[in-house]
Amino acid sequence: MEYVRLGASGLNVSKLALGCMSYGVPGRGMHAWTLDEAESRPFIRAGPEAGINFFDTSNSYSDGTSEEILGRALHAWSGGTRW
């Protein structure tokens, strides 16, 4: 994975981002086609395993449930809990 410095912050972020609009609770928000947490996990897990550390999410994606799912998945990936 290639990384670039994020402005003057000193942070290095992956050139590729993992977009998280597709992950969330399907019945919430504006997109009924979202993948639920169990369906999202394999895709989210593949991101950091490929070196991605830049995630595009928003509290508007599935009424904020995208961010909740991403947070739990990254916590699990980092050793917080089992996948």
PDB file of N, CA and C in Angstrom:
ATOM      1  N   MET A   1       0.849  -1.177   0.000  1.00  0.00           N
ATOM      2  CA  MET A   1       0.000   0.000   0.000  1.00  0.00           C
ATOM      3  C   MET A   1       0.891   1.235   0.000  1.00  0.00           C
ATOM      4  N   GLU A   2       0.514   2.222  -0.768  1.00  0.00           N
ATOM      5  CA  GLU A   2       1.230   3.491  -0.771  1.00  0.00           C
ATOM      6  C   GLU A   2       0.513   4.466   0.155  1.00  0.00           C
ATOM      7  N   TYR A   3       1.307   5.319   0.799  1.00  0.00           N
ATOM      8  CA  TYR A   3       0.770   6.284   1.759  1.00  0.00           C
ATOM      9  C   TYR A   3       1.229   7.692   1.385  1.00  0.00           C
ATOM     10  N   VAL A   4       0.450   8.668   1.780  1.00  0.00           N
ATOM     11  CA  VAL A   4       0.796  10.069   1.575  1.00  0.00           C
ATOM     12  C   VAL A   4       0.566  10.819   2.885  1.00  0.00           C
ATOM     13  N   ARG A   5       1.314  11.897   3.053  1.00  0.00           N
ATOM     14  CA  ARG A   5       1.145  12.727   4.251  1.00  0.00           C
ATOM     15  C   ARG A   5      -0.138  13.541   4.120  1.00  0.00           C
ATOM     16  N   LEU A   6      -0.911  13.594   5.169  1.00  0.00           N
ATOM     17  CA  LEU A   6      -2.166  14.341   5.184  1.00  0.00           C
ATOM     18  C   LEU A   6      -1.878  15.770   5.627  1.00  0.00           C
ATOM     19  N   GLY A   7      -1.719  16.633   4.637  1.00  0.00           N
ATOM     20  CA  GLY A   7      -1.431  18.035   4.921  1.00  0.00           C
ATOM     21  C   GLY A   7      -0.204  18.196   5.794  1.00  0.00           C
ATOM     22  N   ALA A   8      -0.284  19.113   6.738  1.00  0.00           N
ATOM     23  CA  ALA A   8       0.822  19.364   7.658  1.00  0.00           C
ATOM     24  C   ALA A   8       0.645  18.611   8.966  1.00  0.00           C
ATOM     25  N   SER A   9      -0.299  17.683   9.005  1.00  0.00           N
ATOM     26  CA  SER A   9      -0.621  16.979  10.250  1.00  0.00           C
ATOM     27  C   SER A   9       0.452  15.973  10.664  1.00  0.00           C
ATOM     28  N   GLY A  10       1.233  15.501   9.709  1.00  0.00           N
ATOM     29  CA  GLY A  10       2.216  14.472  10.014  1.00  0.00           C
ATOM     30  C   GLY A  10       1.638  13.066   9.904  1.00  0.00           C
ATOM     31  N   LEU A  11       0.339  12.962   9.653  1.00  0.00           N
ATOM     32  CA  LEU A  11      -0.283  11.644   9.501  1.00  0.00           C
ATOM     33  C   LEU A  11      -0.035  11.106   8.098  1.00  0.00           C
ATOM     34  N   ASN A  12       0.233   9.834   8.018  1.00  0.00           N
ATOM     35  CA  ASN A  12       0.355   9.164   6.735  1.00  0.00           C
ATOM     36  C   ASN A  12      -0.896   8.326   6.521  1.00  0.00           C
ATOM     37  N   VAL A  13      -1.581   8.566   5.411  1.00  0.00           N
ATOM     38  CA  VAL A  13      -2.800   7.828   5.117  1.00  0.00           C
ATOM     39  C   VAL A  13      -2.629   7.077   3.807  1.00  0.00           C
ATOM     40  N   SER A  14      -3.346   5.974   3.704  1.00  0.00           N
ATOM     41  CA  SER A  14      -3.279   5.172   2.482  1.00  0.00           C
ATOM     42  C   SER A  14      -3.861   5.962   1.315  1.00  0.00           C
ATOM     43  N   LYS A  15      -3.272   5.737   0.131  1.00  0.00           N
ATOM     44  CA  LYS A  15      -3.775   6.413  -1.058  1.00  0.00           C
ATOM     45  C   LYS A  15      -5.174   5.920  -1.424  1.00  0.00           C
ATOM     46  N   LEU A  16      -5.501   4.719  -1.019  1.00  0.00           N
ATOM     47  CA  LEU A  16      -6.836   4.176  -1.229  1.00  0.00           C
ATOM     48  C   LEU A  16      -7.643   4.307   0.048  1.00  0.00           C
ATOM     49  N   ALA A  17      -8.903   4.647  -0.101  1.00  0.00           N
ATOM     50  CA  ALA A  17      -9.816   4.721   1.035  1.00  0.00           C
ATOM     51  C   ALA A  17     -10.859   3.617   0.896  1.00  0.00           C
ATOM     52  N   LEU A  18     -11.362   3.165   2.009  1.00  0.00           N
ATOM     53  CA  LEU A  18     -12.473   2.220   2.003  1.00  0.00           C
ATOM     54  C   LEU A  18     -13.745   3.013   2.247  1.00  0.00           C
ATOM     55  N   GLY A  19     -14.592   3.096   1.233  1.00  0.00           N
ATOM     56  CA  GLY A  19     -15.866   3.793   1.366  1.00  0.00           C
ATOM     57  C   GLY A  19     -16.847   2.932   2.141  1.00  0.00           C
ATOM     58  N   CYS A  20     -17.540   3.530   3.091  1.00  0.00           N
ATOM     59  CA  CYS A  20     -18.392   2.757   4.002  1.00  0.00           C
ATOM     60  C   CYS A  20     -19.880   3.058   3.851  1.00  0.00           C
ATOM     61  N   MET A  21     -20.268   3.693   2.753  1.00  0.00           N
ATOM     62  CA  MET A  21     -21.675   4.012   2.546  1.00  0.00           C
ATOM     63  C   MET A  21     -22.537   2.756   2.407  1.00  0.00           C
ATOM     64  N   SER A  22     -21.935   1.652   2.003  1.00  0.00           N
ATOM     65  CA  SER A  22     -22.688   0.412   1.785  1.00  0.00           C
ATOM     66  C   SER A  22     -22.933  -0.383   3.055  1.00  0.00           C
ATOM     67  N   TYR A  23     -22.404   0.071   4.182  1.00  0.00           N
ATOM     68  CA  TYR A  23     -22.521  -0.685   5.421  1.00  0.00           C
ATOM     69  C   TYR A  23     -23.461   0.039   6.373  1.00  0.00           C
ATOM     70  N   GLY A  24     -24.361  -0.705   6.993  1.00  0.00           N
ATOM     71  CA  GLY A  24     -25.289  -0.094   7.939  1.00  0.00           C
ATOM     72  C   GLY A  24     -26.482  -0.984   8.190  1.00  0.00           C
ATOM     73  N   VAL A  25     -27.432  -0.464   8.919  1.00  0.00           N
ATOM     74  CA  VAL A  25     -28.679  -1.180   9.173  1.00  0.00           C
ATOM     75  C   VAL A  25     -29.610  -0.872   8.000  1.00  0.00           C
ATOM     76  N   PRO A  26     -29.971  -1.881   7.212  1.00  0.00           N
ATOM     77  CA  PRO A  26     -30.719  -1.638   5.982  1.00  0.00           C
ATOM     78  C   PRO A  26     -32.002  -0.824   6.149  1.00  0.00           C
ATOM     79  N   GLY A  27     -32.690  -0.946   7.225  1.00  0.00           N
ATOM     80  CA  GLY A  27     -33.945  -0.231   7.406  1.00  0.00           C
ATOM     81  C   GLY A  27     -33.799   1.205   7.871  1.00  0.00           C
ATOM     82  N   ARG A  28     -32.582   1.657   8.123  1.00  0.00           N
ATOM     83  CA  ARG A  28     -32.369   3.009   8.625  1.00  0.00           C
ATOM     84  C   ARG A  28     -31.678   3.869   7.578  1.00  0.00           C
ATOM     85  N   GLY A  29     -31.995   5.115   7.560  1.00  0.00           N
ATOM     86  CA  GLY A  29     -31.373   6.027   6.617  1.00  0.00           C
ATOM     87  C   GLY A  29     -32.022   5.958   5.252  1.00  0.00           C
ATOM     88  N   MET A  30     -31.289   6.448   4.259  1.00  0.00           N
ATOM     89  CA  MET A  30     -31.843   6.601   2.915  1.00  0.00           C
ATOM     90  C   MET A  30     -31.561   5.423   1.985  1.00  0.00           C
ATOM     91  N   HIS A  31     -30.768   4.451   2.409  1.00  0.00           N
ATOM     92  CA  HIS A  31     -30.353   3.374   1.500  1.00  0.00           C
ATOM     93  C   HIS A  31     -30.744   2.013   2.058  1.00  0.00           C
ATOM     94  N   ALA A  32     -31.805   1.455   1.548  1.00  0.00           N
ATOM     95  CA  ALA A  32     -32.267   0.145   2.008  1.00  0.00           C
ATOM     96  C   ALA A  32     -31.365  -0.986   1.521  1.00  0.00           C
ATOM     97  N   TRP A  33     -30.446  -0.687   0.605  1.00  0.00           N
ATOM     98  CA  TRP A  33     -29.590  -1.707   0.015  1.00  0.00           C
ATOM     99  C   TRP A  33     -28.296  -1.939   0.796  1.00  0.00           C
ATOM    100  N   THR A  34     -28.134  -1.296   1.935  1.00  0.00           N
ATOM    101  CA  THR A  34     -26.884  -1.453   2.684  1.00  0.00           C
ATOM    102  C   THR A  34     -26.713  -2.879   3.192  1.00  0.00           C
ATOM    103  N   LEU A  35     -25.462  -3.250   3.412  1.00  0.00           N
ATOM    104  CA  LEU A  35     -25.138  -4.556   3.983  1.00  0.00           C
ATOM    105  C   LEU A  35     -25.186  -4.451   5.498  1.00  0.00           C
ATOM    106  N   ASP A  36     -25.759  -5.441   6.157  1.00  0.00           N
ATOM    107  CA  ASP A  36     -25.806  -5.405   7.616  1.00  0.00           C
ATOM    108  C   ASP A  36     -24.417  -5.704   8.188  1.00  0.00           C
ATOM    109  N   GLU A  37     -24.317  -5.722   9.505  1.00  0.00           N
ATOM    110  CA  GLU A  37     -23.008  -5.865  10.139  1.00  0.00           C
ATOM    111  C   GLU A  37     -22.300  -7.158   9.762  1.00  0.00           C
ATOM    112  N   ALA A  38     -23.001  -8.260   9.794  1.00  0.00           N
ATOM    113  CA  ALA A  38     -22.370  -9.543   9.469  1.00  0.00           C
ATOM    114  C   ALA A  38     -21.889  -9.569   8.016  1.00  0.00           C
ATOM    115  N   GLU A  39     -22.675  -9.020   7.117  1.00  0.00           N
ATOM    116  CA  GLU A  39     -22.289  -8.998   5.699  1.00  0.00           C
ATOM    117  C   GLU A  39     -21.153  -8.009   5.443  1.00  0.00           C
ATOM    118  N   SER A  40     -21.054  -6.966   6.264  1.00  0.00           N
ATOM    119  CA  SER A  40     -20.034  -5.925   6.098  1.00  0.00           C
ATOM    120  C   SER A  40     -18.657  -6.358   6.574  1.00  0.00           C
ATOM    121  N   ARG A  41     -18.628  -7.184   7.604  1.00  0.00           N
ATOM    122  CA  ARG A  41     -17.356  -7.529   8.251  1.00  0.00           C
ATOM    123  C   ARG A  41     -16.262  -8.008   7.310  1.00  0.00           C
ATOM    124  N   PRO A  42     -16.526  -8.929   6.371  1.00  0.00           N
ATOM    125  CA  PRO A  42     -15.432  -9.383   5.495  1.00  0.00           C
ATOM    126  C   PRO A  42     -14.823  -8.254   4.662  1.00  0.00           C
ATOM    127  N   PHE A  43     -15.656  -7.313   4.218  1.00  0.00           N
ATOM    128  CA  PHE A  43     -15.157  -6.198   3.415  1.00  0.00           C
ATOM    129  C   PHE A  43     -14.343  -5.235   4.271  1.00  0.00           C
ATOM    130  N   ILE A  44     -14.848  -4.952   5.456  1.00  0.00           N
ATOM    131  CA  ILE A  44     -14.128  -4.033   6.347  1.00  0.00           C
ATOM    132  C   ILE A  44     -12.808  -4.655   6.787  1.00  0.00           C
ATOM    133  N   ARG A  45     -12.827  -5.927   7.081  1.00  0.00           N
ATOM    134  CA  ARG A  45     -11.611  -6.621   7.515  1.00  0.00           C
ATOM    135  C   ARG A  45     -10.534  -6.592   6.427  1.00  0.00           C
ATOM    136  N   ALA A  46     -10.957  -6.704   5.172  1.00  0.00           N
ATOM    137  CA  ALA A  46     -10.000  -6.714   4.054  1.00  0.00           C
ATOM    138  C   ALA A  46      -9.260  -5.388   3.934  1.00  0.00           C
ATOM    139  N   GLY A  47      -9.882  -4.298   4.356  1.00  0.00           N
ATOM    140  CA  GLY A  47      -9.244  -2.984   4.259  1.00  0.00           C
ATOM    141  C   GLY A  47      -7.931  -2.894   5.012  1.00  0.00           C
ATOM    142  N   PRO A  48      -7.941  -3.014   6.336  1.00  0.00           N
ATOM    143  CA  PRO A  48      -6.686  -2.915   7.072  1.00  0.00           C
ATOM    144  C   PRO A  48      -5.704  -4.042   6.748  1.00  0.00           C
ATOM    145  N   GLU A  49      -6.231  -5.216   6.389  1.00  0.00           N
ATOM    146  CA  GLU A  49      -5.324  -6.299   6.010  1.00  0.00           C
ATOM    147  C   GLU A  49      -4.563  -5.953   4.731  1.00  0.00           C
ATOM    148  N   ALA A  50      -5.135  -5.092   3.894  1.00  0.00           N
ATOM    149  CA  ALA A  50      -4.463  -4.639   2.671  1.00  0.00           C
ATOM    150  C   ALA A  50      -3.642  -3.371   2.915  1.00  0.00           C
ATOM    151  N   GLY A  51      -3.673  -2.853   4.144  1.00  0.00           N
ATOM    152  CA  GLY A  51      -2.903  -1.658   4.478  1.00  0.00           C
ATOM    153  C   GLY A  51      -3.706  -0.369   4.467  1.00  0.00           C
ATOM    154  N   ILE A  52      -5.005  -0.454   4.230  1.00  0.00           N
ATOM    155  CA  ILE A  52      -5.836   0.752   4.217  1.00  0.00           C
ATOM    156  C   ILE A  52      -6.018   1.265   5.644  1.00  0.00           C
ATOM    157  N   ASN A  53      -5.771   2.557   5.824  1.00  0.00           N
ATOM    158  CA  ASN A  53      -6.014   3.189   7.122  1.00  0.00           C
ATOM    159  C   ASN A  53      -6.852   4.462   6.961  1.00  0.00           C
ATOM    160  N   PHE A  54      -7.475   4.604   5.808  1.00  0.00           N
ATOM    161  CA  PHE A  54      -8.281   5.773   5.465  1.00  0.00           C
ATOM    162  C   PHE A  54      -9.689   5.276   5.123  1.00  0.00           C
ATOM    163  N   PHE A  55     -10.657   5.653   5.952  1.00  0.00           N
ATOM    164  CA  PHE A  55     -12.025   5.168   5.818  1.00  0.00           C
ATOM    165  C   PHE A  55     -12.960   6.347   5.593  1.00  0.00           C
ATOM    166  N   ASP A  56     -13.774   6.253   4.556  1.00  0.00           N
ATOM    167  CA  ASP A  56     -14.746   7.292   4.250  1.00  0.00           C
ATOM    168  C   ASP A  56     -16.084   6.885   4.847  1.00  0.00           C
ATOM    169  N   THR A  57     -16.525   7.612   5.856  1.00  0.00           N
ATOM    170  CA  THR A  57     -17.813   7.340   6.457  1.00  0.00           C
ATOM    171  C   THR A  57     -18.456   8.652   6.867  1.00  0.00           C
ATOM    172  N   SER A  58     -19.707   8.577   7.223  1.00  0.00           N
ATOM    173  CA  SER A  58     -20.453   9.772   7.586  1.00  0.00           C
ATOM    174  C   SER A  58     -21.592   9.374   8.518  1.00  0.00           C
ATOM    175  N   ASN A  59     -21.937  10.284   9.395  1.00  0.00           N
ATOM    176  CA  ASN A  59     -23.056   9.975  10.280  1.00  0.00           C
ATOM    177  C   ASN A  59     -24.386   9.975   9.529  1.00  0.00           C
ATOM    178  N   SER A  60     -24.360  10.338   8.257  1.00  0.00           N
ATOM    179  CA  SER A  60     -25.581  10.279   7.451  1.00  0.00           C
ATOM    180  C   SER A  60     -25.748   8.922   6.764  1.00  0.00           C
ATOM    181  N   TYR A  61     -24.720   8.094   6.755  1.00  0.00           N
ATOM    182  CA  TYR A  61     -24.833   6.778   6.128  1.00  0.00           C
ATOM    183  C   TYR A  61     -25.627   5.869   7.051  1.00  0.00           C
ATOM    184  N   SER A  62     -26.785   5.456   6.601  1.00  0.00           N
ATOM    185  CA  SER A  62     -27.677   4.575   7.373  1.00  0.00           C
ATOM    186  C   SER A  62     -27.924   5.105   8.774  1.00  0.00           C
ATOM    187  N   ASP A  63     -28.169   6.407   8.839  1.00  0.00           N
ATOM    188  CA  ASP A  63     -28.519   7.049  10.109  1.00  0.00           C
ATOM    189  C   ASP A  63     -27.426   6.852  11.169  1.00  0.00           C
ATOM    190  N   GLY A  64     -26.173   6.834  10.734  1.00  0.00           N
ATOM    191  CA  GLY A  64     -25.043   6.700  11.653  1.00  0.00           C
ATOM    192  C   GLY A  64     -24.625   5.273  11.948  1.00  0.00           C
ATOM    193  N   THR A  65     -25.393   4.303  11.499  1.00  0.00           N
ATOM    194  CA  THR A  65     -25.049   2.909  11.824  1.00  0.00           C
ATOM    195  C   THR A  65     -23.807   2.434  11.066  1.00  0.00           C
ATOM    196  N   SER A  66     -23.484   3.074   9.941  1.00  0.00           N
ATOM    197  CA  SER A  66     -22.253   2.730   9.230  1.00  0.00           C
ATOM    198  C   SER A  66     -21.037   2.971  10.122  1.00  0.00           C
ATOM    199  N   GLU A  67     -21.013   4.104  10.801  1.00  0.00           N
ATOM    200  CA  GLU A  67     -19.888   4.415  11.689  1.00  0.00           C
ATOM    201  C   GLU A  67     -19.826   3.453  12.863  1.00  0.00           C
ATOM    202  N   GLU A  68     -20.976   3.072  13.395  1.00  0.00           N
ATOM    203  CA  GLU A  68     -21.001   2.123  14.511  1.00  0.00           C
ATOM    204  C   GLU A  68     -20.439   0.769  14.084  1.00  0.00           C
ATOM    205  N   ILE A  69     -20.866   0.299  12.923  1.00  0.00           N
ATOM    206  CA  ILE A  69     -20.383  -0.988  12.409  1.00  0.00           C
ATOM    207  C   ILE A  69     -18.888  -0.922  12.123  1.00  0.00           C
ATOM    208  N   LEU A  70     -18.438   0.154  11.497  1.00  0.00           N
ATOM    209  CA  LEU A  70     -17.013   0.310  11.213  1.00  0.00           C
ATOM    210  C   LEU A  70     -16.202   0.313  12.501  1.00  0.00           C
ATOM    211  N   GLY A  71     -16.656   1.037  13.499  1.00  0.00           N
ATOM    212  CA  GLY A  71     -15.938   1.099  14.768  1.00  0.00           C
ATOM    213  C   GLY A  71     -15.815  -0.262  15.434  1.00  0.00           C
ATOM    214  N   ARG A  72     -16.902  -1.005  15.476  1.00  0.00           N
ATOM    215  CA  ARG A  72     -16.849  -2.342  16.084  1.00  0.00           C
ATOM    216  C   ARG A  72     -15.943  -3.271  15.291  1.00  0.00           C
ATOM    217  N   ALA A  73     -16.020  -3.181  13.956  1.00  0.00           N
ATOM    218  CA  ALA A  73     -15.192  -4.059  13.121  1.00  0.00           C
ATOM    219  C   ALA A  73     -13.708  -3.740  13.274  1.00  0.00           C
ATOM    220  N   LEU A  74     -13.345  -2.468  13.291  1.00  0.00           N
ATOM    221  CA  LEU A  74     -11.933  -2.103  13.465  1.00  0.00           C
ATOM    222  C   LEU A  74     -11.438  -2.466  14.852  1.00  0.00           C
ATOM    223  N   HIS A  75     -12.291  -2.323  15.836  1.00  0.00           N
ATOM    224  CA  HIS A  75     -11.922  -2.723  17.203  1.00  0.00           C
ATOM    225  C   HIS A  75     -11.639  -4.222  17.249  1.00  0.00           C
ATOM    226  N   ALA A  76     -12.497  -4.994  16.605  1.00  0.00           N
ATOM    227  CA  ALA A  76     -12.295  -6.439  16.566  1.00  0.00           C
ATOM    228  C   ALA A  76     -11.030  -6.792  15.791  1.00  0.00           C
ATOM    229  N   TRP A  77     -10.809  -6.128  14.644  1.00  0.00           N
ATOM    230  CA  TRP A  77      -9.624  -6.411  13.839  1.00  0.00           C
ATOM    231  C   TRP A  77      -8.349  -6.119  14.608  1.00  0.00           C
ATOM    232  N   SER A  78      -8.380  -5.072  15.424  1.00  0.00           N
ATOM    233  CA  SER A  78      -7.176  -4.685  16.154  1.00  0.00           C
ATOM    234  C   SER A  78      -6.935  -5.531  17.398  1.00  0.00           C
ATOM    235  N   GLY A  79      -7.768  -6.510  17.623  1.00  0.00           N
ATOM    236  CA  GLY A  79      -7.559  -7.410  18.751  1.00  0.00           C
ATOM    237  C   GLY A  79      -8.503  -7.184  19.911  1.00  0.00           C
ATOM    238  N   GLY A  80      -9.435  -6.262  19.761  1.00  0.00           N
ATOM    239  CA  GLY A  80     -10.365  -5.964  20.836  1.00  0.00           C
ATOM    240  C   GLY A  80     -11.317  -7.115  21.137  1.00  0.00           C
ATOM    241  N   THR A  81     -11.841  -7.732  20.100  1.00  0.00           N
ATOM    242  CA  THR A  81     -12.738  -8.891  20.245  1.00  0.00           C
ATOM    243  C   THR A  81     -12.533  -9.788  19.041  1.00  0.00           C
ATOM    244  N   ARG A  82     -13.153 -10.938  19.071  1.00  0.00           N
ATOM    245  CA  ARG A  82     -13.027 -11.877  17.949  1.00  0.00           C
ATOM    246  C   ARG A  82     -13.911 -11.453  16.792  1.00  0.00           C
ATOM    247  N   TRP A  83     -13.479 -11.785  15.582  1.00  0.00           N
ATOM    248  CA  TRP A  83     -14.297 -11.532  14.389  1.00  0.00           C
ATOM    249  C   TRP A  83     -15.416 -12.519  14.394  1.00  0.00           C
TER     250      TRP A  83
END
